[in-house]
Amino acid sequence: MSTPDAAPTDDDADTVATCDAARGLPRHRARALADRLYFLGFFALPWLWVLNAWTFAPHVDPRSATSVDAHVAKRARASRALAVGASVVIATWALTFYLGGASLFGVRAFERLAVTTARW
């Protein structure tokens, strides 16, 4: 890793495209960020998968990117798939409670499961 005052190295010159950086990120930083966001998404933070897929959007659709890194592309595509899956699960769970409610689960089970009717 280079310091801000140090001369750029060959590793820093090799950049990876991102959605919002005109110069991109150095390859080692892009790989570290893609890995970090991907793995942290498994700790009940699926919005990090959305952020990862958005940050490395040029790698999700490699036809539009000029510098595609295979490792970053793999993490970005997996993050997009996991974000879509998590969104479907969360939306299904919310709609089940909203539309079904006590009639779907039964009054006793619904009162145990619902946060708004729980007795602390």
Protein backbone atom coordinates (compact mmCIF):
# COMPACT_ATOMS: atom_id res chain seq x y z
CA MET A 1 0.00 0.00 0.00
CA SER A 2 1.41 3.38 -0.89
CA THR A 3 1.29 6.58 1.12
CA PRO A 4 -0.20 9.75 -0.38
CA ASP A 5 3.26 11.33 -0.73
CA ALA A 6 4.90 8.32 -2.31
CA ALA A 7 5.41 7.98 -6.03
CA PRO A 8 2.86 5.72 -7.72
CA THR A 9 4.00 2.15 -8.16
CA ASP A 10 3.13 -0.28 -10.93
CA ASP A 11 0.51 -1.80 -8.63
CA ASP A 12 -1.16 1.60 -8.16
CA ALA A 13 -1.10 2.30 -11.90
CA ASP A 14 -3.24 -0.78 -12.58
CA THR A 15 -6.75 0.52 -11.82
CA VAL A 16 -10.18 -1.07 -11.66
CA ALA A 17 -13.28 0.74 -12.90
CA THR A 18 -15.95 1.85 -10.43
CA CYS A 19 -19.30 3.53 -10.98
CA ASP A 20 -18.29 6.92 -9.60
CA ALA A 21 -14.53 7.28 -9.87
CA ALA A 22 -13.12 8.74 -13.04
CA ARG A 23 -9.71 7.26 -12.32
CA GLY A 24 -10.95 4.07 -10.71
CA LEU A 25 -9.40 2.33 -7.72
CA PRO A 26 -6.03 0.62 -7.54
CA ARG A 27 -6.47 -3.10 -8.12
CA HIS A 28 -5.47 -4.17 -4.60
CA ARG A 29 -7.85 -1.65 -2.99
CA ALA A 30 -10.73 -2.60 -5.28
CA ARG A 31 -10.27 -6.29 -4.49
CA ALA A 32 -10.09 -5.59 -0.75
CA LEU A 33 -13.23 -3.41 -0.88
CA ALA A 34 -15.17 -5.94 -2.97
CA ASP A 35 -14.24 -8.75 -0.57
CA ARG A 36 -15.02 -6.69 2.52
CA LEU A 37 -18.48 -5.62 1.31
CA TYR A 38 -19.28 -9.13 0.07
CA PHE A 39 -18.43 -10.88 3.34
CA LEU A 40 -19.94 -8.23 5.62
CA GLY A 41 -23.24 -8.67 3.79
CA PHE A 42 -23.56 -12.10 5.42
CA PHE A 43 -23.65 -10.48 8.88
CA ALA A 44 -27.28 -9.35 8.49
CA LEU A 45 -26.21 -6.35 6.41
CA PRO A 46 -27.57 -7.16 2.93
CA TRP A 47 -27.53 -3.47 1.97
CA LEU A 48 -23.74 -3.87 1.69
CA TRP A 49 -24.35 -6.30 -1.18
CA VAL A 50 -26.35 -3.56 -2.90
CA LEU A 51 -23.51 -1.12 -2.28
CA ASN A 52 -20.95 -3.59 -3.63
CA ALA A 53 -22.95 -4.29 -6.78
CA TRP A 54 -23.49 -0.56 -7.30
CA THR A 55 -19.87 0.44 -6.65
CA PHE A 56 -18.54 -2.12 -9.09
CA ALA A 57 -21.42 -1.85 -11.57
CA PRO A 58 -19.07 -1.80 -14.58
CA HIS A 59 -18.04 -5.33 -13.61
CA VAL A 60 -21.60 -6.61 -13.32
CA ASP A 61 -22.08 -5.84 -17.02
CA PRO A 62 -18.53 -6.23 -18.36
CA ARG A 63 -19.44 -5.14 -21.89
CA SER A 64 -19.42 -1.49 -20.77
CA ALA A 65 -16.19 -1.57 -18.73
CA THR A 66 -12.71 -0.83 -19.97
CA SER A 67 -10.76 -2.50 -17.15
CA VAL A 68 -12.53 -5.55 -15.74
CA ASP A 69 -10.94 -7.50 -12.92
CA ALA A 70 -12.15 -11.11 -12.72
CA HIS A 71 -12.05 -11.25 -8.90
CA VAL A 72 -13.97 -7.99 -8.49
CA ALA A 73 -16.45 -9.03 -11.19
CA LYS A 74 -17.13 -12.33 -9.40
CA ARG A 75 -17.80 -10.54 -6.09
CA ALA A 76 -19.95 -7.86 -7.75
CA ARG A 77 -22.13 -10.38 -9.60
CA ALA A 78 -22.50 -12.54 -6.48
CA SER A 79 -23.40 -9.45 -4.44
CA ARG A 80 -26.07 -8.48 -6.96
CA ALA A 81 -27.59 -11.97 -6.86
CA LEU A 82 -27.52 -12.08 -3.05
CA ALA A 83 -29.02 -8.58 -2.79
CA VAL A 84 -31.90 -9.57 -5.08
CA GLY A 85 -32.42 -12.77 -3.08
CA ALA A 86 -32.39 -10.93 0.25
CA SER A 87 -34.84 -8.36 -1.11
CA VAL A 88 -37.24 -11.08 -2.23
CA VAL A 89 -37.05 -12.81 1.17
CA ILE A 90 -37.60 -9.57 3.11
CA ALA A 91 -40.47 -8.46 0.86
CA THR A 92 -42.11 -11.89 1.12
CA TRP A 93 -41.78 -11.87 4.90
CA ALA A 94 -43.25 -8.36 5.16
CA LEU A 95 -46.13 -9.11 2.79
CA THR A 96 -46.91 -12.34 4.63
CA PHE A 97 -47.39 -10.48 7.88
CA TYR A 98 -49.13 -7.52 6.27
CA LEU A 99 -51.59 -9.43 4.10
CA GLY A 100 -51.98 -12.64 6.08
CA GLY A 101 -51.70 -11.50 9.66
CA ALA A 102 -53.64 -13.33 12.33
CA SER A 103 -55.87 -15.09 9.80
CA LEU A 104 -52.85 -16.82 8.23
CA PHE A 105 -50.94 -17.75 11.38
CA GLY A 106 -53.76 -18.00 13.89
CA VAL A 107 -54.26 -15.46 16.66
CA ARG A 108 -51.99 -17.10 19.24
CA ALA A 109 -49.10 -17.69 16.84
CA PHE A 110 -49.44 -14.22 15.32
CA GLU A 111 -49.32 -12.56 18.74
CA ARG A 112 -46.14 -14.50 19.54
CA LEU A 113 -44.50 -13.64 16.20
CA ALA A 114 -45.61 -10.03 15.72
CA VAL A 115 -43.40 -7.40 17.29
CA THR A 116 -46.22 -4.89 17.65
CA THR A 117 -48.40 -7.18 19.75
CA ALA A 118 -45.68 -8.85 21.83
CA ARG A 119 -45.95 -8.60 25.59
CA TRP A 120 -42.59 -7.82 27.12
